[in-house]
Every structure is written in structure tokens, then in C-alpha cells.
Amino acid sequence: MVGVNKGSGSDQGEYIARGNTADVFRKGNRIWKVFKEYLPDGEAHKEAEKQSLVHSMGVPVPEVYGITSINGRQAIEMEFLQGDTLGDLFLASPERQQELLITSIQIQKKIHSMKVEGLESMSDKLHNQITALNDLDESRKERLLEKLTIQAGGRMLCHGDFHLHNIICTKPEYTIIDWVDATVGSPLADVSRTYLLYLSFSRELADRYLDLYCKGSEVDIHDIHQWTPIMAAGRLSEGVETDDRNRLMDMITMYTD
């Protein structure tokens, strides 16, 4: 269980990063992930529990020290690890992009090789996301849920937000961060999710990632794309920007017509 550090400190330390759901501050060898005010109570606890579970399995992730409150905002206190992300290196070193993508795929496959208990089911999460979507008519939702039932299965560890910027180059190994979307499920679904994340940045990157993943394994790209409309619906439920929404709707329509 993750401990709760009481208090509401205001000295947050050095600001180092901002994301969609949280700001990150550093002080010495610790960081505080401070969540946005609009997020529901318990969000920090949910993420901290997942990360602590994965850490206990020997996966290289930052150690969680506890949950606290900073200026009225829920926060996770955790280990600070120095290093560049693979995403930073990818953007700064065009000559290394192939190597870095392959490295990330090797890391992702190691994650997918682990069976885990105690995490939410990816299938249950996707079912709830699809059911709650207002963008889709009931007929299309039914077709997606039927596909999910057919595809569902697997008890492997899935990161849920795996991409180059969530891998830090630390010594002696790489460290994987941001485990809030971790579930148990099918590795192919997790690969499809990564493909969609890259697609919002660059089709060339997304296609290169998928090609390298399939070449380095016995997976057929068709089997990954069986997950595309399902994962696109899950992504759509997250309130993405207009361009992404249009792209995701096109994918859902293409695979469910």
C-alpha cells in the first residue's frame, strides 16, 4: 500500500515539467507530481498504487514514497531519476532514430512478457469507455463491443501510454514513467494504442514503429489492426483535440462499416 504523507506544503521546489493532468517539481533527489485541480479525488492514489505494484515486480520505474497535498492539490512524491528521454534523443539525433525506436520496442516487449494480478482489466476499461461515448450511435457501439468480446483476452502487463517520451535513459538501465493507464490485457492492444499515440504526432513515425515491431516479432500487422477501432474509441473518450477526433472517427468508421 502507498503511504499518505500528511501536510500541504507550499515549497514545491524547481518546476521541471507540465503535462495534461499534472505539473512536476523537483527538490533534491525527489519529485512531486502535482495533479490539476479538476481531477477527481483519488487520482494520485490510483496512479501511485499502480506504479508501486509495477515497481514491486522489478520493472524499472521510479519508487513511490507517498501521497501528499500541495496547495490543496493531490500529489505523488517519488524518486527523481536523472536522464534524457528517448523522445528527446529521437528529436535531437536523426541519425539514431531507428536505433532508439528499436530500443523502445525491446523495452515494450519486456513489459508485455510479464503476467500481473491486481491491475484493472483493459477489456473492462475499454468496455466502459465505449459505452459512455456520446460521439457514436448505439449500432456502432454494439459492433465495437462485439469486436472487443472477440479480441479480449490476455493477462499481460500493458503500459497504456507507452511512447518514447515516457522512457528515461538512466544507468544502468532505462526507466519507464507514467503508469496511470496501466492494465492487464493483450499486448497487441497496447501496441495498437502506441501506434495511435504516434499517429497524432506523425504518420511516418507511427508506420515506422509498427513496421519495426512486426519485423522484430512473429506478429502480423493485421492482428494489431484488429484492435484499431477499439483502441481508437478508447482514445476518443479521452477528449482529444479536434484533428485527432476526426482521425479517430474515420478509423472507427472504416473498421465498423
C-alpha atoms as a PDB file:
ATOM      1  CA  MET A   1       0.000   0.000   0.000  1.00  0.00           C
ATOM      2  CA  VAL A   2       1.121   3.539  -0.710  1.00  0.00           C
ATOM      3  CA  GLY A   3       1.517   5.743   2.342  1.00  0.00           C
ATOM      4  CA  VAL A   4      -0.004   9.183   2.814  1.00  0.00           C
ATOM      5  CA  ASN A   5       2.336  11.997   3.808  1.00  0.00           C
ATOM      6  CA  LYS A   6       0.222  14.485   5.704  1.00  0.00           C
ATOM      7  CA  GLY A   7       0.569  18.185   5.112  1.00  0.00           C
ATOM      8  CA  SER A   8       0.043  20.745   2.412  1.00  0.00           C
ATOM      9  CA  GLY A   9       3.483  22.116   1.695  1.00  0.00           C
ATOM     10  CA  SER A  10       3.860  25.175  -0.493  1.00  0.00           C
ATOM     11  CA  ASP A  11       7.603  24.938  -1.257  1.00  0.00           C
ATOM     12  CA  GLN A  12       7.264  22.813  -4.345  1.00  0.00           C
ATOM     13  CA  GLY A  13      10.853  23.087  -5.478  1.00  0.00           C
ATOM     14  CA  GLU A  14      12.028  23.542  -9.054  1.00  0.00           C
ATOM     15  CA  TYR A  15       9.403  23.264 -11.780  1.00  0.00           C
ATOM     16  CA  ILE A  16      10.581  20.741 -14.404  1.00  0.00           C
ATOM     17  CA  ALA A  17       7.619  19.607 -16.493  1.00  0.00           C
ATOM     18  CA  ARG A  18       3.959  20.168 -17.318  1.00  0.00           C
ATOM     19  CA  GLY A  19       1.520  17.605 -18.696  1.00  0.00           C
ATOM     20  CA  ASN A  20      -2.173  17.468 -19.465  1.00  0.00           C
ATOM     21  CA  THR A  21      -3.054  16.244 -15.991  1.00  0.00           C
ATOM     22  CA  ALA A  22      -0.185  17.309 -13.726  1.00  0.00           C
ATOM     23  CA  ASP A  23       2.805  19.561 -13.072  1.00  0.00           C
ATOM     24  CA  VAL A  24       6.128  18.110 -11.919  1.00  0.00           C
ATOM     25  CA  PHE A  25       8.501  19.722  -9.415  1.00  0.00           C
ATOM     26  CA  ARG A  26      11.903  18.603  -8.177  1.00  0.00           C
ATOM     27  CA  LYS A  27      13.705  19.090  -4.900  1.00  0.00           C
ATOM     28  CA  GLY A  28      16.955  17.201  -4.469  1.00  0.00           C
ATOM     29  CA  ASN A  29      16.552  13.531  -5.316  1.00  0.00           C
ATOM     30  CA  ARG A  30      12.746  13.613  -5.148  1.00  0.00           C
ATOM     31  CA  ILE A  31       9.988  14.860  -7.386  1.00  0.00           C
ATOM     32  CA  TRP A  32       6.343  15.737  -6.791  1.00  0.00           C
ATOM     33  CA  LYS A  33       3.758  15.052  -9.467  1.00  0.00           C
ATOM     34  CA  VAL A  34       1.071  17.623  -8.623  1.00  0.00           C
ATOM     35  CA  PHE A  35      -2.292  16.906 -10.230  1.00  0.00           C
ATOM     36  CA  LYS A  36      -4.591  19.512 -11.782  1.00  0.00           C
ATOM     37  CA  GLU A  37      -7.446  20.738  -9.621  1.00  0.00           C
ATOM     38  CA  TYR A  38     -10.185  19.370 -11.901  1.00  0.00           C
ATOM     39  CA  LEU A  39      -9.160  15.738 -11.483  1.00  0.00           C
ATOM     40  CA  PRO A  40     -11.274  13.592  -9.135  1.00  0.00           C
ATOM     41  CA  ASP A  41     -10.114  12.812  -5.623  1.00  0.00           C
ATOM     42  CA  GLY A  42      -8.156   9.594  -5.544  1.00  0.00           C
ATOM     43  CA  GLU A  43      -6.379  10.097  -8.868  1.00  0.00           C
ATOM     44  CA  ALA A  44      -2.972  10.366  -7.192  1.00  0.00           C
ATOM     45  CA  HIS A  45      -3.668   7.281  -5.083  1.00  0.00           C
ATOM     46  CA  LYS A  46      -4.753   5.308  -8.149  1.00  0.00           C
ATOM     47  CA  GLU A  47      -1.578   6.098 -10.078  1.00  0.00           C
ATOM     48  CA  ALA A  48       0.691   5.607  -7.074  1.00  0.00           C
ATOM     49  CA  GLU A  49      -0.764   2.166  -6.348  1.00  0.00           C
ATOM     50  CA  LYS A  50      -0.215   1.066  -9.944  1.00  0.00           C
ATOM     51  CA  GLN A  51       3.347   2.338 -10.036  1.00  0.00           C
ATOM     52  CA  SER A  52       4.165   0.731  -6.687  1.00  0.00           C
ATOM     53  CA  LEU A  53       2.784  -2.594  -7.879  1.00  0.00           C
ATOM     54  CA  VAL A  54       4.849  -2.479 -11.063  1.00  0.00           C
ATOM     55  CA  HIS A  55       7.926  -1.447  -9.061  1.00  0.00           C
ATOM     56  CA  SER A  56       7.445  -4.476  -6.795  1.00  0.00           C
ATOM     57  CA  MET A  57       7.578  -6.713  -9.894  1.00  0.00           C
ATOM     58  CA  GLY A  58      11.095  -5.499 -10.673  1.00  0.00           C
ATOM     59  CA  VAL A  59      10.114  -3.243 -13.562  1.00  0.00           C
ATOM     60  CA  PRO A  60      12.443  -0.215 -13.709  1.00  0.00           C
ATOM     61  CA  VAL A  61      10.119   2.579 -12.556  1.00  0.00           C
ATOM     62  CA  PRO A  62      10.624   5.425 -10.061  1.00  0.00           C
ATOM     63  CA  GLU A  63       9.985   4.403  -6.464  1.00  0.00           C
ATOM     64  CA  VAL A  64       6.887   5.962  -4.900  1.00  0.00           C
ATOM     65  CA  TYR A  65       7.398   7.464  -1.425  1.00  0.00           C
ATOM     66  CA  GLY A  66       3.852   8.527  -0.707  1.00  0.00           C
ATOM     67  CA  ILE A  67       0.852  10.701  -1.465  1.00  0.00           C
ATOM     68  CA  THR A  68       0.516  14.238  -0.182  1.00  0.00           C
ATOM     69  CA  SER A  69      -1.299  17.516  -0.782  1.00  0.00           C
ATOM     70  CA  ILE A  70       0.406  20.645  -2.125  1.00  0.00           C
ATOM     71  CA  ASN A  71      -1.533  23.909  -2.092  1.00  0.00           C
ATOM     72  CA  GLY A  72      -4.744  21.900  -1.983  1.00  0.00           C
ATOM     73  CA  ARG A  73      -3.781  19.697  -4.942  1.00  0.00           C
ATOM     74  CA  GLN A  74      -3.221  15.958  -4.659  1.00  0.00           C
ATOM     75  CA  ALA A  75       0.358  14.899  -5.385  1.00  0.00           C
ATOM     76  CA  ILE A  76       2.632  11.868  -5.572  1.00  0.00           C
ATOM     77  CA  GLU A  77       6.091  12.057  -4.027  1.00  0.00           C
ATOM     78  CA  MET A  78       8.563   9.817  -5.820  1.00  0.00           C
ATOM     79  CA  GLU A  79      12.172   9.163  -6.726  1.00  0.00           C
ATOM     80  CA  PHE A  80      13.898  11.564  -9.125  1.00  0.00           C
ATOM     81  CA  LEU A  81      15.937   9.883 -11.854  1.00  0.00           C
ATOM     82  CA  GLN A  82      18.340  11.948 -13.932  1.00  0.00           C
ATOM     83  CA  GLY A  83      18.416  11.432 -17.690  1.00  0.00           C
ATOM     84  CA  ASP A  84      17.076  12.371 -21.107  1.00  0.00           C
ATOM     85  CA  THR A  85      14.003  10.684 -22.506  1.00  0.00           C
ATOM     86  CA  LEU A  86      14.261   8.588 -25.651  1.00  0.00           C
ATOM     87  CA  GLY A  87      11.892  11.140 -27.159  1.00  0.00           C
ATOM     88  CA  ASP A  88      14.352  13.985 -26.515  1.00  0.00           C
ATOM     89  CA  LEU A  89      17.173  11.950 -28.055  1.00  0.00           C
ATOM     90  CA  PHE A  90      14.980  10.959 -31.002  1.00  0.00           C
ATOM     91  CA  LEU A  91      14.258  14.593 -31.855  1.00  0.00           C
ATOM     92  CA  ALA A  92      17.864  15.713 -31.308  1.00  0.00           C
ATOM     93  CA  SER A  93      19.596  12.872 -33.163  1.00  0.00           C
ATOM     94  CA  PRO A  94      18.012  11.985 -36.543  1.00  0.00           C
ATOM     95  CA  GLU A  95      20.823   9.517 -37.240  1.00  0.00           C
ATOM     96  CA  ARG A  96      19.833   7.489 -34.155  1.00  0.00           C
ATOM     97  CA  GLN A  97      16.069   7.400 -34.677  1.00  0.00           C
ATOM     98  CA  GLN A  98      15.938   3.815 -35.962  1.00  0.00           C
ATOM     99  CA  GLU A  99      18.101   2.592 -33.093  1.00  0.00           C
ATOM    100  CA  LEU A 100      16.025   4.433 -30.497  1.00  0.00           C
ATOM    101  CA  LEU A 101      12.727   3.120 -31.853  1.00  0.00           C
ATOM    102  CA  ILE A 102      14.067  -0.430 -31.802  1.00  0.00           C
ATOM    103  CA  THR A 103      15.270   0.067 -28.214  1.00  0.00           C
ATOM    104  CA  SER A 104      11.814   1.278 -27.178  1.00  0.00           C
ATOM    105  CA  ILE A 105      10.193  -1.748 -28.818  1.00  0.00           C
ATOM    106  CA  GLN A 106      12.522  -4.100 -26.947  1.00  0.00           C
ATOM    107  CA  ILE A 107      11.550  -2.402 -23.677  1.00  0.00           C
ATOM    108  CA  GLN A 108       7.857  -2.640 -24.555  1.00  0.00           C
ATOM    109  CA  LYS A 109       8.165  -6.352 -25.293  1.00  0.00           C
ATOM    110  CA  LYS A 110       9.804  -6.934 -21.904  1.00  0.00           C
ATOM    111  CA  ILE A 111       6.841  -5.241 -20.240  1.00  0.00           C
ATOM    112  CA  HIS A 112       4.451  -7.398 -22.263  1.00  0.00           C
ATOM    113  CA  SER A 113       6.232 -10.574 -21.149  1.00  0.00           C
ATOM    114  CA  MET A 114       5.071 -10.076 -17.548  1.00  0.00           C
ATOM    115  CA  LYS A 115       1.912 -11.554 -16.092  1.00  0.00           C
ATOM    116  CA  VAL A 116       0.377  -9.481 -13.352  1.00  0.00           C
ATOM    117  CA  GLU A 117      -2.521  -9.561 -10.901  1.00  0.00           C
ATOM    118  CA  GLY A 118      -4.054  -6.601  -9.136  1.00  0.00           C
ATOM    119  CA  LEU A 119      -4.473  -4.182 -12.037  1.00  0.00           C
ATOM    120  CA  GLU A 120      -7.712  -3.257 -13.758  1.00  0.00           C
ATOM    121  CA  SER A 121      -8.706  -5.211 -16.852  1.00  0.00           C
ATOM    122  CA  MET A 122      -8.044  -3.487 -20.162  1.00  0.00           C
ATOM    123  CA  SER A 123     -11.196  -5.068 -21.596  1.00  0.00           C
ATOM    124  CA  ASP A 124     -13.341  -3.717 -18.758  1.00  0.00           C
ATOM    125  CA  LYS A 125     -11.828  -0.254 -19.136  1.00  0.00           C
ATOM    126  CA  LEU A 126     -12.427  -0.218 -22.911  1.00  0.00           C
ATOM    127  CA  HIS A 127     -15.978  -1.523 -22.472  1.00  0.00           C
ATOM    128  CA  ASN A 128     -16.769   1.342 -20.100  1.00  0.00           C
ATOM    129  CA  GLN A 129     -15.146   3.925 -22.389  1.00  0.00           C
ATOM    130  CA  ILE A 130     -17.053   2.753 -25.464  1.00  0.00           C
ATOM    131  CA  THR A 131     -20.369   2.520 -23.620  1.00  0.00           C
ATOM    132  CA  ALA A 132     -20.024   6.089 -22.327  1.00  0.00           C
ATOM    133  CA  LEU A 133     -19.076   7.651 -25.693  1.00  0.00           C
ATOM    134  CA  ASN A 134     -21.512  10.292 -26.917  1.00  0.00           C
ATOM    135  CA  ASP A 135     -19.831  10.566 -30.331  1.00  0.00           C
ATOM    136  CA  LEU A 136     -21.045   7.159 -31.545  1.00  0.00           C
ATOM    137  CA  ASP A 137     -24.527   5.833 -32.257  1.00  0.00           C
ATOM    138  CA  GLU A 138     -25.700   2.718 -30.443  1.00  0.00           C
ATOM    139  CA  SER A 139     -25.344   0.499 -33.504  1.00  0.00           C
ATOM    140  CA  ARG A 140     -21.674   1.348 -33.933  1.00  0.00           C
ATOM    141  CA  LYS A 141     -21.059   0.942 -30.202  1.00  0.00           C
ATOM    142  CA  GLU A 142     -22.545  -2.550 -30.390  1.00  0.00           C
ATOM    143  CA  ARG A 143     -20.236  -3.500 -33.246  1.00  0.00           C
ATOM    144  CA  LEU A 144     -17.222  -2.230 -31.326  1.00  0.00           C
ATOM    145  CA  LEU A 145     -18.248  -4.130 -28.194  1.00  0.00           C
ATOM    146  CA  GLU A 146     -18.704  -7.296 -30.256  1.00  0.00           C
ATOM    147  CA  LYS A 147     -15.177  -6.875 -31.643  1.00  0.00           C
ATOM    148  CA  LEU A 148     -13.887  -6.286 -28.119  1.00  0.00           C
ATOM    149  CA  THR A 149     -15.504  -9.505 -26.909  1.00  0.00           C
ATOM    150  CA  ILE A 150     -13.845 -11.446 -29.726  1.00  0.00           C
ATOM    151  CA  GLN A 151     -10.454  -9.829 -29.255  1.00  0.00           C
ATOM    152  CA  ALA A 152     -10.456  -9.696 -25.451  1.00  0.00           C
ATOM    153  CA  GLY A 153      -8.056 -11.838 -23.525  1.00  0.00           C
ATOM    154  CA  GLY A 154      -4.573 -11.827 -22.125  1.00  0.00           C
ATOM    155  CA  ARG A 155      -3.305 -11.222 -18.618  1.00  0.00           C
ATOM    156  CA  MET A 156      -0.087  -9.446 -19.537  1.00  0.00           C
ATOM    157  CA  LEU A 157       1.163  -6.125 -18.211  1.00  0.00           C
ATOM    158  CA  CYS A 158       0.246  -3.245 -20.555  1.00  0.00           C
ATOM    159  CA  HIS A 159       1.530   0.290 -20.001  1.00  0.00           C
ATOM    160  CA  GLY A 160      -1.350   2.080 -21.745  1.00  0.00           C
ATOM    161  CA  ASP A 161       0.632   5.224 -22.608  1.00  0.00           C
ATOM    162  CA  PHE A 162       3.848   3.800 -23.998  1.00  0.00           C
ATOM    163  CA  HIS A 163       5.932   6.105 -26.189  1.00  0.00           C
ATOM    164  CA  LEU A 164       9.454   7.481 -26.486  1.00  0.00           C
ATOM    165  CA  HIS A 165       8.892  10.379 -24.082  1.00  0.00           C
ATOM    166  CA  ASN A 166       7.894   8.002 -21.267  1.00  0.00           C
ATOM    167  CA  ILE A 167      11.264   6.236 -21.287  1.00  0.00           C
ATOM    168  CA  ILE A 168      14.167   7.869 -19.433  1.00  0.00           C
ATOM    169  CA  CYS A 169      17.788   6.950 -20.175  1.00  0.00           C
ATOM    170  CA  THR A 170      19.104   6.156 -16.704  1.00  0.00           C
ATOM    171  CA  LYS A 171      22.026   3.987 -15.670  1.00  0.00           C
ATOM    172  CA  PRO A 172      22.350   1.048 -15.672  1.00  0.00           C
ATOM    173  CA  GLU A 173      19.020   0.659 -17.477  1.00  0.00           C
ATOM    174  CA  TYR A 174      16.076   2.586 -18.879  1.00  0.00           C
ATOM    175  CA  THR A 175      13.286   3.754 -16.587  1.00  0.00           C
ATOM    176  CA  ILE A 176       9.626   3.800 -17.666  1.00  0.00           C
ATOM    177  CA  ILE A 177       7.362   6.503 -16.252  1.00  0.00           C
ATOM    178  CA  ASP A 178       3.646   7.476 -16.233  1.00  0.00           C
ATOM    179  CA  TRP A 179       1.796   4.284 -15.295  1.00  0.00           C
ATOM    180  CA  VAL A 180      -1.652   5.751 -14.654  1.00  0.00           C
ATOM    181  CA  ASP A 181      -3.154   3.884 -17.642  1.00  0.00           C
ATOM    182  CA  ALA A 182      -1.559   0.518 -16.845  1.00  0.00           C
ATOM    183  CA  THR A 183      -3.855  -2.504 -17.188  1.00  0.00           C
ATOM    184  CA  VAL A 184      -3.750  -6.250 -17.727  1.00  0.00           C
ATOM    185  CA  GLY A 185      -4.692  -7.330 -21.210  1.00  0.00           C
ATOM    186  CA  SER A 186      -3.476  -8.070 -24.722  1.00  0.00           C
ATOM    187  CA  PRO A 187      -0.021  -6.820 -25.760  1.00  0.00           C
ATOM    188  CA  LEU A 188      -1.349  -6.313 -29.300  1.00  0.00           C
ATOM    189  CA  ALA A 189      -3.910  -3.860 -27.953  1.00  0.00           C
ATOM    190  CA  ASP A 190      -1.145  -1.966 -26.175  1.00  0.00           C
ATOM    191  CA  VAL A 191       0.853  -1.848 -29.426  1.00  0.00           C
ATOM    192  CA  SER A 192      -2.209  -0.510 -31.232  1.00  0.00           C
ATOM    193  CA  ARG A 193      -2.525   2.167 -28.548  1.00  0.00           C
ATOM    194  CA  THR A 194       1.111   3.226 -29.059  1.00  0.00           C
ATOM    195  CA  TYR A 195       0.536   3.358 -32.815  1.00  0.00           C
ATOM    196  CA  LEU A 196      -2.392   5.742 -32.302  1.00  0.00           C
ATOM    197  CA  LEU A 197      -0.344   7.943 -29.967  1.00  0.00           C
ATOM    198  CA  TYR A 198       2.422   8.234 -32.567  1.00  0.00           C
ATOM    199  CA  LEU A 199      -0.139   8.851 -35.297  1.00  0.00           C
ATOM    200  CA  SER A 200      -1.250  12.047 -33.572  1.00  0.00           C
ATOM    201  CA  PHE A 201       2.330  13.271 -33.954  1.00  0.00           C
ATOM    202  CA  SER A 202       3.447  11.800 -37.286  1.00  0.00           C
ATOM    203  CA  ARG A 203       2.099   9.112 -39.621  1.00  0.00           C
ATOM    204  CA  GLU A 204       5.643   8.365 -40.761  1.00  0.00           C
ATOM    205  CA  LEU A 205       6.715   7.690 -37.152  1.00  0.00           C
ATOM    206  CA  ALA A 206       3.607   5.599 -36.445  1.00  0.00           C
ATOM    207  CA  ASP A 207       4.089   3.450 -39.549  1.00  0.00           C
ATOM    208  CA  ARG A 208       7.809   3.035 -38.896  1.00  0.00           C
ATOM    209  CA  TYR A 209       7.122   1.933 -35.314  1.00  0.00           C
ATOM    210  CA  LEU A 210       4.565  -0.661 -36.399  1.00  0.00           C
ATOM    211  CA  ASP A 211       6.791  -1.962 -39.174  1.00  0.00           C
ATOM    212  CA  LEU A 212       9.756  -2.383 -36.812  1.00  0.00           C
ATOM    213  CA  TYR A 213       7.585  -4.032 -34.163  1.00  0.00           C
ATOM    214  CA  CYS A 214       6.269  -6.633 -36.609  1.00  0.00           C
ATOM    215  CA  LYS A 215       9.669  -7.273 -38.197  1.00  0.00           C
ATOM    216  CA  GLY A 216      11.175  -7.964 -34.793  1.00  0.00           C
ATOM    217  CA  SER A 217       8.476 -10.441 -33.766  1.00  0.00           C
ATOM    218  CA  GLU A 218       6.137 -13.073 -35.152  1.00  0.00           C
ATOM    219  CA  VAL A 219       3.196 -10.685 -35.077  1.00  0.00           C
ATOM    220  CA  ASP A 220       1.187  -9.960 -38.212  1.00  0.00           C
ATOM    221  CA  ILE A 221       0.298  -6.292 -38.673  1.00  0.00           C
ATOM    222  CA  HIS A 222      -3.276  -7.385 -39.462  1.00  0.00           C
ATOM    223  CA  ASP A 223      -3.625  -8.779 -35.935  1.00  0.00           C
ATOM    224  CA  ILE A 224      -2.621  -5.417 -34.472  1.00  0.00           C
ATOM    225  CA  HIS A 225      -5.028  -3.525 -36.701  1.00  0.00           C
ATOM    226  CA  GLN A 226      -7.876  -5.721 -35.466  1.00  0.00           C
ATOM    227  CA  TRP A 227      -7.577  -3.589 -32.320  1.00  0.00           C
ATOM    228  CA  THR A 228      -7.506  -0.252 -34.175  1.00  0.00           C
ATOM    229  CA  PRO A 229     -11.218   0.714 -33.994  1.00  0.00           C
ATOM    230  CA  ILE A 230     -11.479  -0.423 -30.370  1.00  0.00           C
ATOM    231  CA  MET A 231      -8.415   1.494 -29.233  1.00  0.00           C
ATOM    232  CA  ALA A 232      -9.461   4.481 -31.346  1.00  0.00           C
ATOM    233  CA  ALA A 233     -12.777   4.563 -29.464  1.00  0.00           C
ATOM    234  CA  GLY A 234     -10.918   4.415 -26.149  1.00  0.00           C
ATOM    235  CA  ARG A 235      -8.697   7.270 -27.250  1.00  0.00           C
ATOM    236  CA  LEU A 236     -11.722   9.244 -28.460  1.00  0.00           C
ATOM    237  CA  SER A 237     -13.251   9.024 -24.986  1.00  0.00           C
ATOM    238  CA  GLU A 238     -10.306  10.973 -23.562  1.00  0.00           C
ATOM    239  CA  GLY A 239     -11.367  14.298 -25.046  1.00  0.00           C
ATOM    240  CA  VAL A 240      -8.588  14.683 -27.605  1.00  0.00           C
ATOM    241  CA  GLU A 241      -8.305  17.723 -29.875  1.00  0.00           C
ATOM    242  CA  THR A 242     -10.419  18.197 -32.994  1.00  0.00           C
ATOM    243  CA  ASP A 243      -7.896  16.941 -35.571  1.00  0.00           C
ATOM    244  CA  ASP A 244      -7.341  13.770 -33.587  1.00  0.00           C
ATOM    245  CA  ARG A 245     -11.085  13.309 -33.070  1.00  0.00           C
ATOM    246  CA  ASN A 246     -11.679  13.436 -36.825  1.00  0.00           C
ATOM    247  CA  ARG A 247      -8.881  10.953 -37.463  1.00  0.00           C
ATOM    248  CA  LEU A 248     -10.140   8.573 -34.792  1.00  0.00           C
ATOM    249  CA  MET A 249     -13.724   8.772 -36.045  1.00  0.00           C
ATOM    250  CA  ASP A 250     -12.509   7.948 -39.567  1.00  0.00           C
ATOM    251  CA  MET A 251     -10.712   4.871 -38.235  1.00  0.00           C
ATOM    252  CA  ILE A 252     -13.739   3.694 -36.284  1.00  0.00           C
ATOM    253  CA  THR A 253     -15.995   4.185 -39.297  1.00  0.00           C
ATOM    254  CA  MET A 254     -13.590   2.411 -41.654  1.00  0.00           C
ATOM    255  CA  TYR A 255     -13.386  -0.685 -39.493  1.00  0.00           C
ATOM    256  CA  THR A 256     -17.035  -0.896 -38.388  1.00  0.00           C
ATOM    257  CA  ASP A 257     -18.986  -0.110 -41.582  1.00  0.00           C
END
